[in-house]
Amino acid sequence: MNDTLSLLGLTTTPLELLSFVLALANVWLNIRQNHWAWLFAIVSSATYAGVFFSSRLYGDVGLQFVFIIASLWGWYKWLSGSRAERKLRLSHLPPLAMIICGIGWLAAFGLLSLFLKYYTNTDVPYADGFLTAGSLIGTLLLSNKKIENWHVWIVVDVLYIALYTYKHLWLTALLYGVFVLMALAGLRAWTKDLDYDSLTPVDLRGL
C-alpha cells in the first residue's frame, strides 16, 4: 500500500489515495449533517495514520487515533442529541467558550510542540504541533455541532496545504485545498440551516 504511483502528475501511494477518497466522503457527509460521516472519519483516520507515519508527521499520527476516539464520541452525540432534545441542534459558540478554545489551542500547541521536538525525530515540531492542536479544537466543535468549527477548519486546512506540500504529500495537499472549499460550503450550509431553525412558526408560515 506504500508503493509509489503517479496520478494526474502527482506522486502518491495507494494508501494515501484510499485515505483521500475516505476523507472527502467524510467532509461531504459532515456538510449534510449525516451521522455516517463519523464512520468515514474513523476509517480515514486509521489509514492516514499509516501515511503520516511514513512522513514522520508524528503529531498527525497521534491525532488520527484521537480522531478515532473523538469520532466515536461525536457519532454518539449526533445520534443521542442533547439532554434537552433528541436531536443535537446547530448552535453558535458563546464568546467565553471562544476564549477558552483559543487558550486551549495555544496550550495544546505548546505541549505538543515540546513533545515532538524532544521526543521524536520530526523536522516540523511547531507546525505539526500547532495544526494538531487546532484539529483537536475543530473536532470538539464539530462533534457539538458548533458553527465555528468551520472557521477553525478553514484556518487549519489552509496551513495544512503548506505543510503537506513541504512534506511532498502532494495528493493530501490537494485534498486540503478541496477541504478549504468544502469548509466554506459547510459554513454557508450550516449557517443557513441555523437561521432556518431559529425561525418561529409564524415566520415559517410566511415562507
N, C-alpha and C. Protein backbone atom coordinates (compact mmCIF):
# COMPACT_ATOMS: atom_id res chain seq x y z
N MET A 1 0.82 -1.22 0.00
CA MET A 1 0.00 0.00 0.00
C MET A 1 0.85 1.27 0.00
N ASN A 2 2.16 1.12 0.25
CA ASN A 2 3.05 2.28 0.26
C ASN A 2 3.92 2.37 -0.98
N ASP A 3 3.61 1.56 -2.00
CA ASP A 3 4.34 1.64 -3.26
C ASP A 3 4.00 2.96 -3.94
N THR A 4 4.99 3.58 -4.56
CA THR A 4 4.79 4.86 -5.22
C THR A 4 4.05 4.69 -6.54
N LEU A 5 3.09 5.58 -6.78
CA LEU A 5 2.40 5.60 -8.05
C LEU A 5 2.16 7.04 -8.47
N SER A 6 1.89 7.24 -9.75
CA SER A 6 1.65 8.59 -10.28
C SER A 6 0.19 8.72 -10.66
N LEU A 7 -0.42 9.81 -10.22
CA LEU A 7 -1.83 10.06 -10.51
C LEU A 7 -1.99 11.52 -10.89
N LEU A 8 -2.39 11.74 -12.14
CA LEU A 8 -2.59 13.11 -12.64
C LEU A 8 -1.36 13.98 -12.42
N GLY A 9 -0.20 13.36 -12.58
CA GLY A 9 1.05 14.10 -12.41
C GLY A 9 1.52 14.23 -10.99
N LEU A 10 0.76 13.68 -10.03
CA LEU A 10 1.12 13.75 -8.62
C LEU A 10 1.67 12.40 -8.17
N THR A 11 2.74 12.44 -7.38
CA THR A 11 3.30 11.22 -6.82
C THR A 11 2.57 10.89 -5.52
N THR A 12 2.07 9.67 -5.41
CA THR A 12 1.30 9.28 -4.24
C THR A 12 1.48 7.79 -3.98
N THR A 13 0.71 7.25 -3.07
CA THR A 13 0.70 5.82 -2.78
C THR A 13 -0.74 5.34 -2.73
N PRO A 14 -0.99 4.04 -2.90
CA PRO A 14 -2.36 3.54 -2.80
C PRO A 14 -3.01 3.87 -1.46
N LEU A 15 -2.21 3.83 -0.37
CA LEU A 15 -2.77 4.13 0.94
C LEU A 15 -3.19 5.59 1.05
N GLU A 16 -2.38 6.50 0.50
CA GLU A 16 -2.75 7.91 0.52
C GLU A 16 -3.97 8.16 -0.35
N LEU A 17 -4.06 7.46 -1.49
CA LEU A 17 -5.21 7.62 -2.38
C LEU A 17 -6.49 7.15 -1.70
N LEU A 18 -6.43 6.00 -1.02
CA LEU A 18 -7.60 5.49 -0.30
C LEU A 18 -8.01 6.47 0.79
N SER A 19 -7.04 6.98 1.52
CA SER A 19 -7.32 7.94 2.59
C SER A 19 -7.97 9.21 2.03
N PHE A 20 -7.48 9.64 0.87
CA PHE A 20 -8.01 10.81 0.17
C PHE A 20 -9.51 10.67 -0.10
N VAL A 21 -9.90 9.54 -0.65
CA VAL A 21 -11.30 9.30 -1.01
C VAL A 21 -12.18 9.23 0.25
N LEU A 22 -11.70 8.51 1.27
CA LEU A 22 -12.47 8.37 2.50
C LEU A 22 -12.65 9.72 3.21
N ALA A 23 -11.60 10.54 3.21
CA ALA A 23 -11.67 11.85 3.86
C ALA A 23 -12.64 12.78 3.15
N LEU A 24 -12.64 12.72 1.82
CA LEU A 24 -13.60 13.54 1.06
C LEU A 24 -15.04 13.15 1.41
N ALA A 25 -15.29 11.85 1.47
CA ALA A 25 -16.64 11.37 1.80
C ALA A 25 -17.03 11.83 3.21
N ASN A 26 -16.06 11.83 4.11
CA ASN A 26 -16.31 12.25 5.48
C ASN A 26 -16.77 13.70 5.54
N VAL A 27 -16.05 14.61 4.91
CA VAL A 27 -16.39 16.03 4.98
C VAL A 27 -17.71 16.30 4.25
N TRP A 28 -17.94 15.63 3.11
CA TRP A 28 -19.19 15.82 2.38
C TRP A 28 -20.39 15.43 3.24
N LEU A 29 -20.27 14.33 3.97
CA LEU A 29 -21.36 13.89 4.85
C LEU A 29 -21.51 14.82 6.05
N ASN A 30 -20.38 15.40 6.52
CA ASN A 30 -20.47 16.38 7.62
C ASN A 30 -21.29 17.59 7.21
N ILE A 31 -21.06 18.07 6.00
CA ILE A 31 -21.80 19.22 5.50
C ILE A 31 -23.30 18.94 5.49
N ARG A 32 -23.64 17.70 5.15
CA ARG A 32 -25.05 17.30 5.09
C ARG A 32 -25.61 16.88 6.44
N GLN A 33 -24.78 16.99 7.49
CA GLN A 33 -25.16 16.60 8.85
C GLN A 33 -25.63 15.14 8.91
N ASN A 34 -24.96 14.30 8.15
CA ASN A 34 -25.27 12.87 8.11
C ASN A 34 -24.35 12.15 9.10
N HIS A 35 -24.94 11.41 10.03
CA HIS A 35 -24.13 10.80 11.09
C HIS A 35 -23.15 9.74 10.58
N TRP A 36 -23.36 9.23 9.35
CA TRP A 36 -22.43 8.25 8.80
C TRP A 36 -21.06 8.88 8.49
N ALA A 37 -21.00 10.19 8.56
CA ALA A 37 -19.71 10.88 8.37
C ALA A 37 -18.69 10.37 9.38
N TRP A 38 -19.15 10.07 10.59
CA TRP A 38 -18.23 9.64 11.64
C TRP A 38 -17.60 8.29 11.33
N LEU A 39 -18.32 7.42 10.63
CA LEU A 39 -17.74 6.14 10.23
C LEU A 39 -16.59 6.36 9.26
N PHE A 40 -16.81 7.22 8.28
CA PHE A 40 -15.75 7.53 7.32
C PHE A 40 -14.57 8.23 8.01
N ALA A 41 -14.88 9.02 9.03
CA ALA A 41 -13.81 9.69 9.79
C ALA A 41 -12.93 8.66 10.49
N ILE A 42 -13.55 7.64 11.05
CA ILE A 42 -12.81 6.59 11.76
C ILE A 42 -11.89 5.83 10.81
N VAL A 43 -12.45 5.41 9.67
CA VAL A 43 -11.67 4.61 8.72
C VAL A 43 -10.56 5.45 8.07
N SER A 44 -10.88 6.68 7.67
CA SER A 44 -9.86 7.52 7.03
C SER A 44 -8.76 7.90 8.02
N SER A 45 -9.11 8.07 9.29
CA SER A 45 -8.10 8.37 10.31
C SER A 45 -7.13 7.20 10.46
N ALA A 46 -7.67 5.99 10.42
CA ALA A 46 -6.82 4.79 10.56
C ALA A 46 -5.85 4.68 9.39
N THR A 47 -6.34 4.93 8.18
CA THR A 47 -5.45 4.81 7.02
C THR A 47 -4.46 5.97 6.94
N TYR A 48 -4.90 7.17 7.32
CA TYR A 48 -3.99 8.31 7.28
C TYR A 48 -2.89 8.21 8.35
N ALA A 49 -3.15 7.47 9.42
CA ALA A 49 -2.11 7.27 10.44
C ALA A 49 -0.89 6.61 9.80
N GLY A 50 -1.14 5.65 8.90
CA GLY A 50 -0.03 5.00 8.20
C GLY A 50 0.68 5.94 7.25
N VAL A 51 -0.08 6.79 6.57
CA VAL A 51 0.51 7.76 5.64
C VAL A 51 1.42 8.74 6.38
N PHE A 52 0.94 9.28 7.48
CA PHE A 52 1.70 10.30 8.21
C PHE A 52 2.92 9.69 8.92
N PHE A 53 2.80 8.44 9.35
CA PHE A 53 3.94 7.80 10.00
C PHE A 53 5.11 7.70 9.02
N SER A 54 4.81 7.39 7.78
CA SER A 54 5.85 7.28 6.76
C SER A 54 6.53 8.63 6.50
N SER A 55 5.81 9.73 6.78
CA SER A 55 6.35 11.07 6.54
C SER A 55 6.88 11.73 7.82
N ARG A 56 6.96 10.97 8.91
CA ARG A 56 7.46 11.46 10.19
C ARG A 56 6.64 12.63 10.75
N LEU A 57 5.35 12.63 10.44
CA LEU A 57 4.44 13.62 11.00
C LEU A 57 3.77 12.97 12.21
N TYR A 58 4.53 12.83 13.29
CA TYR A 58 4.07 12.04 14.42
C TYR A 58 2.92 12.68 15.18
N GLY A 59 2.88 14.01 15.16
CA GLY A 59 1.74 14.68 15.77
C GLY A 59 0.46 14.29 15.05
N ASP A 60 0.53 14.26 13.72
CA ASP A 60 -0.64 13.88 12.94
C ASP A 60 -0.98 12.40 13.11
N VAL A 61 0.04 11.56 13.33
CA VAL A 61 -0.22 10.14 13.59
C VAL A 61 -1.03 10.00 14.87
N GLY A 62 -0.54 10.63 15.93
CA GLY A 62 -1.27 10.58 17.19
C GLY A 62 -2.65 11.19 17.08
N LEU A 63 -2.74 12.25 16.27
CA LEU A 63 -4.02 12.93 16.08
C LEU A 63 -5.05 11.99 15.47
N GLN A 64 -4.61 11.11 14.58
CA GLN A 64 -5.56 10.20 13.93
C GLN A 64 -6.21 9.26 14.95
N PHE A 65 -5.45 8.83 15.93
CA PHE A 65 -6.02 7.96 16.96
C PHE A 65 -6.96 8.74 17.88
N VAL A 66 -6.62 10.00 18.12
CA VAL A 66 -7.53 10.86 18.87
C VAL A 66 -8.81 11.06 18.06
N PHE A 67 -8.65 11.25 16.74
CA PHE A 67 -9.81 11.41 15.86
C PHE A 67 -10.73 10.21 15.95
N ILE A 68 -10.16 9.02 16.00
CA ILE A 68 -10.98 7.80 16.07
C ILE A 68 -11.83 7.80 17.34
N ILE A 69 -11.18 8.11 18.47
CA ILE A 69 -11.92 8.16 19.73
C ILE A 69 -12.97 9.28 19.70
N ALA A 70 -12.55 10.46 19.20
CA ALA A 70 -13.46 11.60 19.13
C ALA A 70 -14.62 11.33 18.18
N SER A 71 -14.36 10.56 17.12
CA SER A 71 -15.40 10.25 16.15
C SER A 71 -16.45 9.33 16.76
N LEU A 72 -16.02 8.39 17.58
CA LEU A 72 -16.97 7.51 18.27
C LEU A 72 -17.86 8.33 19.20
N TRP A 73 -17.23 9.30 19.90
CA TRP A 73 -17.98 10.17 20.79
C TRP A 73 -18.91 11.08 20.01
N GLY A 74 -18.40 11.67 18.90
CA GLY A 74 -19.21 12.55 18.07
C GLY A 74 -20.38 11.81 17.46
N TRP A 75 -20.15 10.59 17.02
CA TRP A 75 -21.23 9.76 16.45
C TRP A 75 -22.33 9.55 17.48
N TYR A 76 -21.92 9.24 18.70
CA TYR A 76 -22.89 9.06 19.78
C TYR A 76 -23.67 10.35 20.04
N LYS A 77 -22.95 11.48 20.06
CA LYS A 77 -23.60 12.77 20.34
C LYS A 77 -24.62 13.11 19.26
N TRP A 78 -24.25 12.89 18.01
CA TRP A 78 -25.15 13.22 16.92
C TRP A 78 -26.40 12.33 16.94
N LEU A 79 -26.24 11.10 17.37
CA LEU A 79 -27.37 10.18 17.39
C LEU A 79 -28.24 10.34 18.63
N SER A 80 -27.62 10.66 19.76
CA SER A 80 -28.37 10.73 21.02
C SER A 80 -28.92 12.11 21.32
N GLY A 81 -28.34 13.15 20.68
CA GLY A 81 -28.83 14.51 20.90
C GLY A 81 -28.33 15.10 22.20
N SER A 82 -28.97 16.15 22.63
CA SER A 82 -28.60 16.82 23.88
C SER A 82 -29.52 16.35 24.99
N ARG A 83 -29.27 16.84 26.20
CA ARG A 83 -30.13 16.46 27.32
C ARG A 83 -31.55 16.96 27.14
N ALA A 84 -31.67 18.13 26.51
CA ALA A 84 -32.99 18.74 26.36
C ALA A 84 -33.75 18.21 25.15
N GLU A 85 -33.05 17.80 24.11
CA GLU A 85 -33.70 17.39 22.88
C GLU A 85 -33.08 16.13 22.33
N ARG A 86 -33.90 15.38 21.59
CA ARG A 86 -33.42 14.15 20.98
C ARG A 86 -32.40 14.44 19.89
N LYS A 87 -32.64 15.51 19.14
CA LYS A 87 -31.73 15.87 18.05
C LYS A 87 -30.75 16.95 18.51
N LEU A 88 -29.48 16.73 18.24
CA LEU A 88 -28.47 17.74 18.56
C LEU A 88 -28.55 18.83 17.51
N ARG A 89 -28.88 20.05 17.94
CA ARG A 89 -29.10 21.15 17.01
C ARG A 89 -27.83 21.97 16.79
N LEU A 90 -27.81 22.64 15.66
CA LEU A 90 -26.72 23.57 15.37
C LEU A 90 -26.80 24.75 16.32
N SER A 91 -25.64 25.29 16.67
CA SER A 91 -25.62 26.46 17.56
C SER A 91 -24.29 27.19 17.41
N HIS A 92 -24.27 28.42 17.90
CA HIS A 92 -23.04 29.21 17.91
C HIS A 92 -22.28 28.98 19.22
N LEU A 93 -21.00 29.21 19.18
CA LEU A 93 -20.16 29.10 20.36
C LEU A 93 -20.23 30.41 21.12
N PRO A 94 -20.55 30.39 22.42
CA PRO A 94 -20.60 31.63 23.21
C PRO A 94 -19.22 32.30 23.26
N PRO A 95 -19.18 33.62 23.45
CA PRO A 95 -17.90 34.36 23.47
C PRO A 95 -16.89 33.79 24.47
N LEU A 96 -17.36 33.47 25.69
CA LEU A 96 -16.44 32.93 26.69
C LEU A 96 -15.85 31.60 26.23
N ALA A 97 -16.69 30.78 25.60
CA ALA A 97 -16.22 29.48 25.11
C ALA A 97 -15.18 29.67 23.99
N MET A 98 -15.35 30.73 23.18
CA MET A 98 -14.36 31.03 22.14
C MET A 98 -12.99 31.32 22.76
N ILE A 99 -13.01 32.10 23.83
CA ILE A 99 -11.76 32.44 24.51
C ILE A 99 -11.11 31.19 25.09
N ILE A 100 -11.92 30.34 25.69
CA ILE A 100 -11.42 29.10 26.28
C ILE A 100 -10.82 28.20 25.20
N CYS A 101 -11.49 28.13 24.05
CA CYS A 101 -10.97 27.32 22.94
C CYS A 101 -9.64 27.88 22.44
N GLY A 102 -9.54 29.20 22.37
CA GLY A 102 -8.30 29.82 21.93
C GLY A 102 -7.15 29.53 22.88
N ILE A 103 -7.43 29.63 24.19
CA ILE A 103 -6.41 29.33 25.19
C ILE A 103 -6.03 27.85 25.13
N GLY A 104 -7.05 27.00 24.96
CA GLY A 104 -6.79 25.57 24.86
C GLY A 104 -5.93 25.23 23.66
N TRP A 105 -6.19 25.90 22.53
CA TRP A 105 -5.40 25.69 21.31
C TRP A 105 -3.93 26.04 21.56
N LEU A 106 -3.69 27.21 22.17
CA LEU A 106 -2.32 27.64 22.43
C LEU A 106 -1.62 26.72 23.42
N ALA A 107 -2.35 26.30 24.47
CA ALA A 107 -1.75 25.42 25.47
C ALA A 107 -1.38 24.07 24.86
N ALA A 108 -2.30 23.52 24.08
CA ALA A 108 -2.04 22.23 23.43
C ALA A 108 -0.89 22.36 22.43
N PHE A 109 -0.83 23.49 21.73
CA PHE A 109 0.27 23.75 20.79
C PHE A 109 1.61 23.71 21.50
N GLY A 110 1.70 24.39 22.64
CA GLY A 110 2.95 24.43 23.39
C GLY A 110 3.38 23.04 23.86
N LEU A 111 2.45 22.30 24.43
CA LEU A 111 2.78 20.97 24.95
C LEU A 111 3.14 20.00 23.83
N LEU A 112 2.36 19.99 22.77
CA LEU A 112 2.63 19.07 21.66
C LEU A 112 3.94 19.39 20.96
N SER A 113 4.21 20.68 20.78
CA SER A 113 5.45 21.08 20.10
C SER A 113 6.68 20.65 20.88
N LEU A 114 6.63 20.83 22.19
CA LEU A 114 7.76 20.42 23.03
C LEU A 114 7.96 18.91 22.98
N PHE A 115 6.86 18.18 23.05
CA PHE A 115 6.96 16.72 22.99
C PHE A 115 7.55 16.27 21.65
N LEU A 116 7.03 16.82 20.56
CA LEU A 116 7.50 16.44 19.24
C LEU A 116 8.96 16.82 19.02
N LYS A 117 9.37 17.96 19.57
CA LYS A 117 10.74 18.43 19.37
C LYS A 117 11.76 17.57 20.11
N TYR A 118 11.43 17.17 21.33
CA TYR A 118 12.41 16.49 22.17
C TYR A 118 12.27 14.97 22.21
N TYR A 119 11.13 14.45 21.77
CA TYR A 119 10.92 13.01 21.89
C TYR A 119 10.64 12.30 20.57
N THR A 120 10.71 13.03 19.45
CA THR A 120 10.55 12.40 18.14
C THR A 120 11.61 12.97 17.20
N ASN A 121 11.71 12.38 16.02
CA ASN A 121 12.68 12.88 15.04
C ASN A 121 12.01 13.69 13.93
N THR A 122 10.84 14.25 14.22
CA THR A 122 10.18 15.08 13.23
C THR A 122 10.99 16.35 12.96
N ASP A 123 10.92 16.86 11.75
CA ASP A 123 11.62 18.10 11.41
C ASP A 123 10.68 19.30 11.39
N VAL A 124 9.41 19.09 11.76
CA VAL A 124 8.44 20.19 11.79
C VAL A 124 7.64 20.16 13.09
N PRO A 125 8.30 20.21 14.24
CA PRO A 125 7.56 20.07 15.50
C PRO A 125 6.55 21.18 15.77
N TYR A 126 6.89 22.41 15.37
CA TYR A 126 6.00 23.53 15.68
C TYR A 126 4.78 23.56 14.76
N ALA A 127 5.00 23.36 13.47
CA ALA A 127 3.88 23.33 12.54
C ALA A 127 2.97 22.14 12.84
N ASP A 128 3.59 20.99 13.09
CA ASP A 128 2.82 19.79 13.40
C ASP A 128 2.02 19.97 14.69
N GLY A 129 2.66 20.56 15.70
CA GLY A 129 2.00 20.77 16.99
C GLY A 129 0.85 21.75 16.90
N PHE A 130 1.08 22.86 16.18
CA PHE A 130 0.04 23.89 16.06
C PHE A 130 -1.20 23.36 15.34
N LEU A 131 -0.97 22.64 14.23
CA LEU A 131 -2.09 22.17 13.44
C LEU A 131 -2.78 20.97 14.08
N THR A 132 -2.03 20.16 14.81
CA THR A 132 -2.64 19.06 15.56
C THR A 132 -3.56 19.62 16.63
N ALA A 133 -3.09 20.64 17.35
CA ALA A 133 -3.91 21.27 18.39
C ALA A 133 -5.17 21.89 17.79
N GLY A 134 -5.02 22.58 16.66
CA GLY A 134 -6.17 23.19 16.01
C GLY A 134 -7.18 22.16 15.54
N SER A 135 -6.68 21.03 15.06
CA SER A 135 -7.58 19.96 14.59
C SER A 135 -8.38 19.37 15.75
N LEU A 136 -7.75 19.29 16.92
CA LEU A 136 -8.46 18.79 18.09
C LEU A 136 -9.61 19.73 18.47
N ILE A 137 -9.33 21.04 18.41
CA ILE A 137 -10.38 22.02 18.71
C ILE A 137 -11.50 21.93 17.67
N GLY A 138 -11.12 21.82 16.39
CA GLY A 138 -12.12 21.71 15.34
C GLY A 138 -13.01 20.49 15.51
N THR A 139 -12.41 19.36 15.88
CA THR A 139 -13.18 18.13 16.08
C THR A 139 -14.13 18.26 17.27
N LEU A 140 -13.66 18.90 18.34
CA LEU A 140 -14.51 19.12 19.51
C LEU A 140 -15.73 19.95 19.15
N LEU A 141 -15.52 21.02 18.38
CA LEU A 141 -16.63 21.88 17.99
C LEU A 141 -17.57 21.18 17.01
N LEU A 142 -17.00 20.40 16.10
CA LEU A 142 -17.81 19.67 15.13
C LEU A 142 -18.72 18.67 15.83
N SER A 143 -18.18 17.95 16.80
CA SER A 143 -18.96 16.92 17.49
C SER A 143 -20.12 17.53 18.27
N ASN A 144 -19.99 18.83 18.61
CA ASN A 144 -21.08 19.52 19.31
C ASN A 144 -21.91 20.39 18.38
N LYS A 145 -21.67 20.25 17.08
CA LYS A 145 -22.42 20.99 16.05
C LYS A 145 -22.36 22.51 16.26
N LYS A 146 -21.16 23.00 16.55
CA LYS A 146 -20.96 24.44 16.67
C LYS A 146 -20.54 25.00 15.31
N ILE A 147 -21.21 26.05 14.87
CA ILE A 147 -20.93 26.66 13.57
C ILE A 147 -19.44 27.01 13.43
N GLU A 148 -18.86 27.43 14.53
CA GLU A 148 -17.47 27.91 14.48
C GLU A 148 -16.46 26.82 14.14
N ASN A 149 -16.89 25.56 14.14
CA ASN A 149 -15.95 24.50 13.76
C ASN A 149 -15.42 24.74 12.35
N TRP A 150 -16.27 25.29 11.48
CA TRP A 150 -15.85 25.53 10.09
C TRP A 150 -14.81 26.64 10.01
N HIS A 151 -14.89 27.64 10.89
CA HIS A 151 -13.87 28.69 10.91
C HIS A 151 -12.50 28.09 11.27
N VAL A 152 -12.52 27.20 12.26
CA VAL A 152 -11.27 26.55 12.67
C VAL A 152 -10.70 25.71 11.53
N TRP A 153 -11.57 24.94 10.87
CA TRP A 153 -11.10 24.07 9.80
C TRP A 153 -10.57 24.86 8.62
N ILE A 154 -11.15 26.00 8.34
CA ILE A 154 -10.65 26.82 7.22
C ILE A 154 -9.21 27.25 7.49
N VAL A 155 -8.95 27.74 8.70
CA VAL A 155 -7.59 28.16 9.06
C VAL A 155 -6.64 26.97 9.03
N VAL A 156 -7.03 25.88 9.67
CA VAL A 156 -6.18 24.69 9.76
C VAL A 156 -5.90 24.10 8.38
N ASP A 157 -6.93 24.00 7.56
CA ASP A 157 -6.77 23.38 6.25
C ASP A 157 -5.84 24.18 5.34
N VAL A 158 -5.95 25.51 5.40
CA VAL A 158 -5.06 26.36 4.59
C VAL A 158 -3.61 26.12 4.98
N LEU A 159 -3.34 26.08 6.28
CA LEU A 159 -1.98 25.87 6.75
C LEU A 159 -1.48 24.46 6.47
N TYR A 160 -2.39 23.49 6.50
CA TYR A 160 -2.00 22.12 6.20
C TYR A 160 -1.55 21.97 4.74
N ILE A 161 -2.11 22.76 3.86
CA ILE A 161 -1.68 22.70 2.46
C ILE A 161 -0.19 22.96 2.36
N ALA A 162 0.28 23.98 3.09
CA ALA A 162 1.70 24.31 3.08
C ALA A 162 2.54 23.21 3.70
N LEU A 163 2.07 22.64 4.81
CA LEU A 163 2.82 21.59 5.49
C LEU A 163 2.95 20.34 4.62
N TYR A 164 1.85 19.92 4.01
CA TYR A 164 1.89 18.69 3.22
C TYR A 164 2.63 18.89 1.90
N THR A 165 2.63 20.11 1.40
CA THR A 165 3.44 20.41 0.22
C THR A 165 4.92 20.29 0.58
N TYR A 166 5.29 20.82 1.73
CA TYR A 166 6.67 20.72 2.20
C TYR A 166 7.09 19.26 2.38
N LYS A 167 6.14 18.41 2.80
CA LYS A 167 6.43 17.00 3.03
C LYS A 167 6.26 16.16 1.76
N HIS A 168 5.97 16.81 0.64
CA HIS A 168 5.79 16.13 -0.64
C HIS A 168 4.62 15.15 -0.64
N LEU A 169 3.64 15.42 0.20
CA LEU A 169 2.40 14.65 0.17
C LEU A 169 1.43 15.41 -0.73
N TRP A 170 1.70 15.32 -2.02
CA TRP A 170 1.01 16.17 -2.99
C TRP A 170 -0.49 15.92 -3.02
N LEU A 171 -0.89 14.66 -3.00
CA LEU A 171 -2.32 14.36 -3.07
C LEU A 171 -3.04 14.85 -1.82
N THR A 172 -2.40 14.70 -0.68
CA THR A 172 -3.00 15.17 0.57
C THR A 172 -3.05 16.70 0.61
N ALA A 173 -2.04 17.36 0.04
CA ALA A 173 -2.06 18.82 -0.06
C ALA A 173 -3.24 19.26 -0.93
N LEU A 174 -3.45 18.54 -2.04
CA LEU A 174 -4.59 18.83 -2.89
C LEU A 174 -5.90 18.60 -2.14
N LEU A 175 -5.94 17.51 -1.37
CA LEU A 175 -7.13 17.20 -0.58
C LEU A 175 -7.48 18.35 0.35
N TYR A 176 -6.47 18.92 1.00
CA TYR A 176 -6.74 20.00 1.94
C TYR A 176 -7.13 21.30 1.23
N GLY A 177 -6.71 21.44 -0.03
CA GLY A 177 -7.21 22.55 -0.82
C GLY A 177 -8.70 22.38 -1.07
N VAL A 178 -9.10 21.16 -1.36
CA VAL A 178 -10.54 20.85 -1.53
C VAL A 178 -11.26 21.05 -0.20
N PHE A 179 -10.60 20.65 0.90
CA PHE A 179 -11.20 20.81 2.23
C PHE A 179 -11.52 22.27 2.53
N VAL A 180 -10.65 23.19 2.10
CA VAL A 180 -10.91 24.62 2.33
C VAL A 180 -12.22 25.02 1.66
N LEU A 181 -12.40 24.60 0.41
CA LEU A 181 -13.63 24.92 -0.32
C LEU A 181 -14.84 24.26 0.34
N MET A 182 -14.67 23.01 0.80
CA MET A 182 -15.77 22.30 1.44
C MET A 182 -16.09 22.91 2.80
N ALA A 183 -15.08 23.41 3.50
CA ALA A 183 -15.32 24.07 4.79
C ALA A 183 -16.11 25.37 4.58
N LEU A 184 -15.78 26.10 3.52
CA LEU A 184 -16.54 27.31 3.20
C LEU A 184 -17.99 26.95 2.87
N ALA A 185 -18.17 25.85 2.12
CA ALA A 185 -19.52 25.39 1.79
C ALA A 185 -20.25 24.92 3.04
N GLY A 186 -19.52 24.24 3.93
CA GLY A 186 -20.12 23.77 5.17
C GLY A 186 -20.56 24.92 6.05
N LEU A 187 -19.73 25.97 6.13
CA LEU A 187 -20.07 27.15 6.92
C LEU A 187 -21.34 27.80 6.38
N ARG A 188 -21.42 27.91 5.07
CA ARG A 188 -22.60 28.52 4.44
C ARG A 188 -23.85 27.68 4.68
N ALA A 189 -23.72 26.36 4.51
CA ALA A 189 -24.87 25.47 4.66
C ALA A 189 -25.35 25.42 6.11
N TRP A 190 -24.43 25.31 7.05
CA TRP A 190 -24.83 25.23 8.46
C TRP A 190 -25.42 26.56 8.94
N THR A 191 -24.86 27.67 8.47
CA THR A 191 -25.40 28.98 8.86
C THR A 191 -26.82 29.14 8.34
N LYS A 192 -27.05 28.70 7.11
CA LYS A 192 -28.39 28.76 6.54
C LYS A 192 -29.36 27.89 7.31
N ASP A 193 -28.92 26.68 7.68
CA ASP A 193 -29.78 25.77 8.44
C ASP A 193 -30.07 26.32 9.83
N LEU A 194 -29.07 26.96 10.45
CA LEU A 194 -29.27 27.54 11.78
C LEU A 194 -30.26 28.69 11.71
N ASP A 195 -30.15 29.53 10.68
CA ASP A 195 -31.09 30.64 10.51
C ASP A 195 -32.51 30.11 10.31
N TYR A 196 -32.64 29.00 9.58
CA TYR A 196 -33.96 28.40 9.33
C TYR A 196 -34.55 27.84 10.63
N ASP A 197 -33.71 27.16 11.42
CA ASP A 197 -34.17 26.55 12.67
C ASP A 197 -34.60 27.60 13.68
N SER A 198 -34.02 28.82 13.57
CA SER A 198 -34.33 29.87 14.53
C SER A 198 -35.64 30.58 14.23
N LEU A 199 -36.23 30.30 13.07
CA LEU A 199 -37.49 30.94 12.73
C LEU A 199 -38.63 30.41 13.60
N THR A 200 -39.55 31.27 13.92
CA THR A 200 -40.73 30.87 14.70
C THR A 200 -41.77 30.26 13.77
N PRO A 201 -42.79 29.55 14.31
CA PRO A 201 -43.85 29.01 13.46
C PRO A 201 -44.51 30.07 12.59
N VAL A 202 -44.64 31.30 13.14
CA VAL A 202 -45.25 32.38 12.36
C VAL A 202 -44.35 32.72 11.17
N ASP A 203 -43.05 32.76 11.40
CA ASP A 203 -42.11 33.06 10.31
C ASP A 203 -42.18 31.99 9.23
N LEU A 204 -42.28 30.73 9.68
CA LEU A 204 -42.28 29.62 8.74
C LEU A 204 -43.52 29.64 7.84
N ARG A 205 -44.64 30.08 8.40
CA ARG A 205 -45.86 30.14 7.58
C ARG A 205 -45.73 31.15 6.44
N GLY A 206 -44.80 32.09 6.62
CA GLY A 206 -44.62 33.11 5.61
C GLY A 206 -43.68 32.69 4.51
N LEU A 207 -43.02 31.52 4.66
CA LEU A 207 -42.09 31.07 3.65
C LEU A 207 -42.80 30.44 2.45
